[in-house]
Amino acid sequence: MLNQEALSMEGARVVVGNDLRPVVYSVQGDHIDYVVASQAQWSVRRTLQVGNELTLDQAIPLIENLAR
């Protein structure tokens, strides 16, 4: 079960890769919050900052690739 403190599911996107371990992420303005499933549980909420060095268009594929 996804802990509410870890990441709100409202407006979140879910990507499931070939190994069936999903990544859930949510764009929050200048950063992306995401969690990754392991065999038994979800990771803690992680944050990827976007800006001049890393655009949103570059950041989303990086996070989605975690599910593959």
PDB file of N, CA and C in Angstrom:
ATOM      1  N   MET A   1       0.839  -1.176   0.000  1.00  0.00           N
ATOM      2  CA  MET A   1       0.000   0.000   0.000  1.00  0.00           C
ATOM      3  C   MET A   1       0.885   1.241   0.000  1.00  0.00           C
ATOM      4  N   LEU A   2       0.511   2.220  -0.775  1.00  0.00           N
ATOM      5  CA  LEU A   2       1.292   3.447  -0.892  1.00  0.00           C
ATOM      6  C   LEU A   2       0.995   4.348   0.288  1.00  0.00           C
ATOM      7  N   ASN A   3       1.993   4.678   1.064  1.00  0.00           N
ATOM      8  CA  ASN A   3       1.857   5.540   2.225  1.00  0.00           C
ATOM      9  C   ASN A   3       1.544   6.956   1.774  1.00  0.00           C
ATOM     10  N   GLN A   4       0.508   7.556   2.377  1.00  0.00           N
ATOM     11  CA  GLN A   4       0.095   8.895   1.973  1.00  0.00           C
ATOM     12  C   GLN A   4       1.212   9.914   2.198  1.00  0.00           C
ATOM     13  N   GLU A   5       2.060   9.706   3.199  1.00  0.00           N
ATOM     14  CA  GLU A   5       3.187  10.606   3.426  1.00  0.00           C
ATOM     15  C   GLU A   5       4.215  10.497   2.306  1.00  0.00           C
ATOM     16  N   ALA A   6       4.244   9.358   1.649  1.00  0.00           N
ATOM     17  CA  ALA A   6       5.234   9.136   0.608  1.00  0.00           C
ATOM     18  C   ALA A   6       4.926   9.962  -0.635  1.00  0.00           C
ATOM     19  N   LEU A   7       3.672   9.966  -1.083  1.00  0.00           N
ATOM     20  CA  LEU A   7       3.309  10.681  -2.306  1.00  0.00           C
ATOM     21  C   LEU A   7       1.799  10.673  -2.449  1.00  0.00           C
ATOM     22  N   SER A   8       1.223  11.815  -2.718  1.00  0.00           N
ATOM     23  CA  SER A   8      -0.210  11.888  -2.990  1.00  0.00           C
ATOM     24  C   SER A   8      -0.473  11.295  -4.367  1.00  0.00           C
ATOM     25  N   MET A   9      -1.500  10.482  -4.478  1.00  0.00           N
ATOM     26  CA  MET A   9      -1.845   9.868  -5.755  1.00  0.00           C
ATOM     27  C   MET A   9      -2.677  10.798  -6.632  1.00  0.00           C
ATOM     28  N   GLU A  10      -3.163  11.896  -6.082  1.00  0.00           N
ATOM     29  CA  GLU A  10      -3.980  12.822  -6.861  1.00  0.00           C
ATOM     30  C   GLU A  10      -3.142  13.451  -7.968  1.00  0.00           C
ATOM     31  N   GLY A  11      -3.541  13.237  -9.194  1.00  0.00           N
ATOM     32  CA  GLY A  11      -2.825  13.782 -10.341  1.00  0.00           C
ATOM     33  C   GLY A  11      -1.540  13.052 -10.691  1.00  0.00           C
ATOM     34  N   ALA A  12      -1.260  11.952 -10.000  1.00  0.00           N
ATOM     35  CA  ALA A  12      -0.023  11.204 -10.249  1.00  0.00           C
ATOM     36  C   ALA A  12      -0.161  10.330 -11.490  1.00  0.00           C
ATOM     37  N   ARG A  13       0.972  10.010 -12.071  1.00  0.00           N
ATOM     38  CA  ARG A  13       1.031   9.098 -13.217  1.00  0.00           C
ATOM     39  C   ARG A  13       1.730   7.825 -12.773  1.00  0.00           C
ATOM     40  N   VAL A  14       1.285   6.712 -13.329  1.00  0.00           N
ATOM     41  CA  VAL A  14       1.860   5.410 -12.990  1.00  0.00           C
ATOM     42  C   VAL A  14       2.427   4.798 -14.264  1.00  0.00           C
ATOM     43  N   VAL A  15       3.674   4.333 -14.195  1.00  0.00           N
ATOM     44  CA  VAL A  15       4.317   3.658 -15.319  1.00  0.00           C
ATOM     45  C   VAL A  15       4.719   2.273 -14.832  1.00  0.00           C
ATOM     46  N   VAL A  16       4.325   1.254 -15.597  1.00  0.00           N
ATOM     47  CA  VAL A  16       4.666  -0.124 -15.248  1.00  0.00           C
ATOM     48  C   VAL A  16       5.546  -0.688 -16.352  1.00  0.00           C
ATOM     49  N   GLY A  17       6.708  -1.189 -15.962  1.00  0.00           N
ATOM     50  CA  GLY A  17       7.642  -1.751 -16.929  1.00  0.00           C
ATOM     51  C   GLY A  17       7.457  -3.245 -17.107  1.00  0.00           C
ATOM     52  N   ASN A  18       8.368  -3.864 -17.846  1.00  0.00           N
ATOM     53  CA  ASN A  18       8.305  -5.301 -18.124  1.00  0.00           C
ATOM     54  C   ASN A  18       8.377  -6.156 -16.872  1.00  0.00           C
ATOM     55  N   ASP A  19       9.069  -5.676 -15.843  1.00  0.00           N
ATOM     56  CA  ASP A  19       9.186  -6.452 -14.611  1.00  0.00           C
ATOM     57  C   ASP A  19       7.998  -6.240 -13.674  1.00  0.00           C
ATOM     58  N   LEU A  20       7.002  -5.470 -14.112  1.00  0.00           N
ATOM     59  CA  LEU A  20       5.772  -5.201 -13.366  1.00  0.00           C
ATOM     60  C   LEU A  20       6.013  -4.478 -12.045  1.00  0.00           C
ATOM     61  N   ARG A  21       7.085  -3.721 -11.962  1.00  0.00           N
ATOM     62  CA  ARG A  21       7.350  -2.897 -10.784  1.00  0.00           C
ATOM     63  C   ARG A  21       7.094  -1.441 -11.162  1.00  0.00           C
ATOM     64  N   PRO A  22       6.005  -0.890 -10.688  1.00  0.00           N
ATOM     65  CA  PRO A  22       5.621   0.454 -11.125  1.00  0.00           C
ATOM     66  C   PRO A  22       6.442   1.574 -10.502  1.00  0.00           C
ATOM     67  N   VAL A  23       6.420   2.681 -11.213  1.00  0.00           N
ATOM     68  CA  VAL A  23       6.928   3.956 -10.723  1.00  0.00           C
ATOM     69  C   VAL A  23       5.736   4.906 -10.737  1.00  0.00           C
ATOM     70  N   VAL A  24       5.535   5.610  -9.640  1.00  0.00           N
ATOM     71  CA  VAL A  24       4.462   6.596  -9.542  1.00  0.00           C
ATOM     72  C   VAL A  24       5.126   7.952  -9.401  1.00  0.00           C
ATOM     73  N   TYR A  25       4.711   8.917 -10.246  1.00  0.00           N
ATOM     74  CA  TYR A  25       5.308  10.245 -10.147  1.00  0.00           C
ATOM     75  C   TYR A  25       4.276  11.335 -10.332  1.00  0.00           C
ATOM     76  N   SER A  26       4.610  12.489  -9.785  1.00  0.00           N
ATOM     77  CA  SER A  26       3.720  13.639  -9.833  1.00  0.00           C
ATOM     78  C   SER A  26       4.552  14.895 -10.063  1.00  0.00           C
ATOM     79  N   VAL A  27       4.179  15.659 -11.087  1.00  0.00           N
ATOM     80  CA  VAL A  27       4.871  16.917 -11.384  1.00  0.00           C
ATOM     81  C   VAL A  27       4.351  17.976 -10.422  1.00  0.00           C
ATOM     82  N   GLN A  28       5.266  18.635  -9.720  1.00  0.00           N
ATOM     83  CA  GLN A  28       4.920  19.632  -8.708  1.00  0.00           C
ATOM     84  C   GLN A  28       5.614  20.958  -9.005  1.00  0.00           C
ATOM     85  N   GLY A  29       5.310  21.544 -10.140  1.00  0.00           N
ATOM     86  CA  GLY A  29       5.919  22.830 -10.492  1.00  0.00           C
ATOM     87  C   GLY A  29       7.370  22.684 -10.882  1.00  0.00           C
ATOM     88  N   ASP A  30       8.286  23.026  -9.970  1.00  0.00           N
ATOM     89  CA  ASP A  30       9.716  23.009 -10.274  1.00  0.00           C
ATOM     90  C   ASP A  30      10.407  21.705  -9.887  1.00  0.00           C
ATOM     91  N   HIS A  31       9.635  20.685  -9.518  1.00  0.00           N
ATOM     92  CA  HIS A  31      10.223  19.381  -9.201  1.00  0.00           C
ATOM     93  C   HIS A  31       9.211  18.270  -9.475  1.00  0.00           C
ATOM     94  N   ILE A  32       9.726  17.051  -9.495  1.00  0.00           N
ATOM     95  CA  ILE A  32       8.890  15.864  -9.670  1.00  0.00           C
ATOM     96  C   ILE A  32       9.100  14.975  -8.452  1.00  0.00           C
ATOM     97  N   ASP A  33       8.002  14.615  -7.787  1.00  0.00           N
ATOM     98  CA  ASP A  33       8.053  13.654  -6.696  1.00  0.00           C
ATOM     99  C   ASP A  33       7.767  12.278  -7.274  1.00  0.00           C
ATOM    100  N   TYR A  34       8.488  11.259  -6.798  1.00  0.00           N
ATOM    101  CA  TYR A  34       8.244   9.913  -7.309  1.00  0.00           C
ATOM    102  C   TYR A  34       8.586   8.853  -6.278  1.00  0.00           C
ATOM    103  N   VAL A  35       7.955   7.695  -6.437  1.00  0.00           N
ATOM    104  CA  VAL A  35       8.258   6.512  -5.633  1.00  0.00           C
ATOM    105  C   VAL A  35       8.397   5.331  -6.583  1.00  0.00           C
ATOM    106  N   VAL A  36       9.193   4.359  -6.173  1.00  0.00           N
ATOM    107  CA  VAL A  36       9.462   3.173  -6.981  1.00  0.00           C
ATOM    108  C   VAL A  36       9.097   1.947  -6.149  1.00  0.00           C
ATOM    109  N   ALA A  37       8.430   0.986  -6.760  1.00  0.00           N
ATOM    110  CA  ALA A  37       8.075  -0.245  -6.058  1.00  0.00           C
ATOM    111  C   ALA A  37       9.245  -1.213  -6.073  1.00  0.00           C
ATOM    112  N   SER A  38       9.429  -1.901  -4.955  1.00  0.00           N
ATOM    113  CA  SER A  38      10.387  -3.002  -4.897  1.00  0.00           C
ATOM    114  C   SER A  38       9.573  -4.283  -4.745  1.00  0.00           C
ATOM    115  N   GLN A  39      10.210  -5.377  -4.433  1.00  0.00           N
ATOM    116  CA  GLN A  39       9.481  -6.638  -4.307  1.00  0.00           C
ATOM    117  C   GLN A  39       8.427  -6.590  -3.205  1.00  0.00           C
ATOM    118  N   ALA A  40       8.726  -5.928  -2.105  1.00  0.00           N
ATOM    119  CA  ALA A  40       7.823  -5.980  -0.955  1.00  0.00           C
ATOM    120  C   ALA A  40       7.219  -4.640  -0.544  1.00  0.00           C
ATOM    121  N   GLN A  41       7.742  -3.532  -1.054  1.00  0.00           N
ATOM    122  CA  GLN A  41       7.260  -2.240  -0.562  1.00  0.00           C
ATOM    123  C   GLN A  41       7.581  -1.122  -1.542  1.00  0.00           C
ATOM    124  N   TRP A  42       7.099   0.067  -1.205  1.00  0.00           N
ATOM    125  CA  TRP A  42       7.397   1.267  -1.985  1.00  0.00           C
ATOM    126  C   TRP A  42       8.600   1.970  -1.377  1.00  0.00           C
ATOM    127  N   SER A  43       9.356   2.646  -2.210  1.00  0.00           N
ATOM    128  CA  SER A  43      10.476   3.448  -1.715  1.00  0.00           C
ATOM    129  C   SER A  43       9.929   4.673  -0.991  1.00  0.00           C
ATOM    130  N   VAL A  44      10.788   5.366  -0.297  1.00  0.00           N
ATOM    131  CA  VAL A  44      10.406   6.660   0.253  1.00  0.00           C
ATOM    132  C   VAL A  44      10.236   7.631  -0.915  1.00  0.00           C
ATOM    133  N   ARG A  45       9.513   8.701  -0.687  1.00  0.00           N
ATOM    134  CA  ARG A  45       9.318   9.700  -1.737  1.00  0.00           C
ATOM    135  C   ARG A  45      10.654  10.330  -2.083  1.00  0.00           C
ATOM    136  N   ARG A  46      10.919  10.402  -3.368  1.00  0.00           N
ATOM    137  CA  ARG A  46      12.143  11.034  -3.866  1.00  0.00           C
ATOM    138  C   ARG A  46      11.744  12.248  -4.688  1.00  0.00           C
ATOM    139  N   THR A  47      12.662  13.188  -4.834  1.00  0.00           N
ATOM    140  CA  THR A  47      12.379  14.420  -5.566  1.00  0.00           C
ATOM    141  C   THR A  47      13.470  14.669  -6.593  1.00  0.00           C
ATOM    142  N   LEU A  48      13.053  15.024  -7.801  1.00  0.00           N
ATOM    143  CA  LEU A  48      13.977  15.409  -8.867  1.00  0.00           C
ATOM    144  C   LEU A  48      13.674  16.854  -9.227  1.00  0.00           C
ATOM    145  N   GLN A  49      14.630  17.724  -8.987  1.00  0.00           N
ATOM    146  CA  GLN A  49      14.484  19.153  -9.263  1.00  0.00           C
ATOM    147  C   GLN A  49      14.634  19.411 -10.756  1.00  0.00           C
ATOM    148  N   VAL A  50      13.752  20.226 -11.314  1.00  0.00           N
ATOM    149  CA  VAL A  50      13.870  20.621 -12.715  1.00  0.00           C
ATOM    150  C   VAL A  50      14.157  22.113 -12.778  1.00  0.00           C
ATOM    151  N   GLY A  51      14.780  22.535 -13.859  1.00  0.00           N
ATOM    152  CA  GLY A  51      15.143  23.943 -14.018  1.00  0.00           C
ATOM    153  C   GLY A  51      15.940  24.124 -15.286  1.00  0.00           C
ATOM    154  N   ASN A  52      16.899  25.042 -15.255  1.00  0.00           N
ATOM    155  CA  ASN A  52      17.701  25.340 -16.442  1.00  0.00           C
ATOM    156  C   ASN A  52      18.558  24.159 -16.888  1.00  0.00           C
ATOM    157  N   GLU A  53      19.144  23.449 -15.936  1.00  0.00           N
ATOM    158  CA  GLU A  53      20.049  22.339 -16.258  1.00  0.00           C
ATOM    159  C   GLU A  53      19.296  21.076 -16.687  1.00  0.00           C
ATOM    160  N   LEU A  54      18.107  20.874 -16.124  1.00  0.00           N
ATOM    161  CA  LEU A  54      17.298  19.688 -16.415  1.00  0.00           C
ATOM    162  C   LEU A  54      15.858  20.142 -16.616  1.00  0.00           C
ATOM    163  N   THR A  55      15.391  20.087 -17.859  1.00  0.00           N
ATOM    164  CA  THR A  55      14.032  20.531 -18.154  1.00  0.00           C
ATOM    165  C   THR A  55      13.029  19.431 -17.809  1.00  0.00           C
ATOM    166  N   LEU A  56      11.776  19.812 -17.711  1.00  0.00           N
ATOM    167  CA  LEU A  56      10.716  18.850 -17.436  1.00  0.00           C
ATOM    168  C   LEU A  56      10.646  17.792 -18.535  1.00  0.00           C
ATOM    169  N   ASP A  57      10.833  18.213 -19.782  1.00  0.00           N
ATOM    170  CA  ASP A  57      10.823  17.270 -20.908  1.00  0.00           C
ATOM    171  C   ASP A  57      11.956  16.255 -20.820  1.00  0.00           C
ATOM    172  N   GLN A  58      13.050  16.610 -20.174  1.00  0.00           N
ATOM    173  CA  GLN A  58      14.162  15.675 -19.979  1.00  0.00           C
ATOM    174  C   GLN A  58      13.947  14.817 -18.734  1.00  0.00           C
ATOM    175  N   ALA A  59      13.356  15.396 -17.699  1.00  0.00           N
ATOM    176  CA  ALA A  59      13.211  14.715 -16.412  1.00  0.00           C
ATOM    177  C   ALA A  59      12.179  13.592 -16.447  1.00  0.00           C
ATOM    178  N   ILE A  60      11.052  13.813 -17.113  1.00  0.00           N
ATOM    179  CA  ILE A  60       9.995  12.796 -17.125  1.00  0.00           C
ATOM    180  C   ILE A  60      10.483  11.475 -17.717  1.00  0.00           C
ATOM    181  N   PRO A  61      11.165  11.451 -18.871  1.00  0.00           N
ATOM    182  CA  PRO A  61      11.671  10.164 -19.381  1.00  0.00           C
ATOM    183  C   PRO A  61      12.668   9.489 -18.436  1.00  0.00           C
ATOM    184  N   LEU A  62      13.464  10.270 -17.713  1.00  0.00           N
ATOM    185  CA  LEU A  62      14.396   9.677 -16.752  1.00  0.00           C
ATOM    186  C   LEU A  62      13.644   8.895 -15.685  1.00  0.00           C
ATOM    187  N   ILE A  63      12.586   9.488 -15.171  1.00  0.00           N
ATOM    188  CA  ILE A  63      11.800   8.818 -14.136  1.00  0.00           C
ATOM    189  C   ILE A  63      11.035   7.633 -14.720  1.00  0.00           C
ATOM    190  N   GLU A  64      10.439   7.808 -15.888  1.00  0.00           N
ATOM    191  CA  GLU A  64       9.697   6.704 -16.501  1.00  0.00           C
ATOM    192  C   GLU A  64      10.604   5.519 -16.816  1.00  0.00           C
ATOM    193  N   ASN A  65      11.861   5.770 -17.125  1.00  0.00           N
ATOM    194  CA  ASN A  65      12.805   4.680 -17.409  1.00  0.00           C
ATOM    195  C   ASN A  65      13.119   3.840 -16.180  1.00  0.00           C
ATOM    196  N   LEU A  66      12.839   4.345 -14.986  1.00  0.00           N
ATOM    197  CA  LEU A  66      13.042   3.553 -13.775  1.00  0.00           C
ATOM    198  C   LEU A  66      12.114   2.336 -13.739  1.00  0.00           C
ATOM    199  N   ALA A  67      11.023   2.391 -14.484  1.00  0.00           N
ATOM    200  CA  ALA A  67      10.065   1.280 -14.509  1.00  0.00           C
ATOM    201  C   ALA A  67      10.436   0.216 -15.528  1.00  0.00           C
ATOM    202  N   ARG A  68      11.455   0.418 -16.297  1.00  0.00           N
ATOM    203  CA  ARG A  68      11.764  -0.528 -17.367  1.00  0.00           C
ATOM    204  C   ARG A  68      12.885  -1.458 -16.994  1.00  0.00           C
TER     205      ARG A  68
END
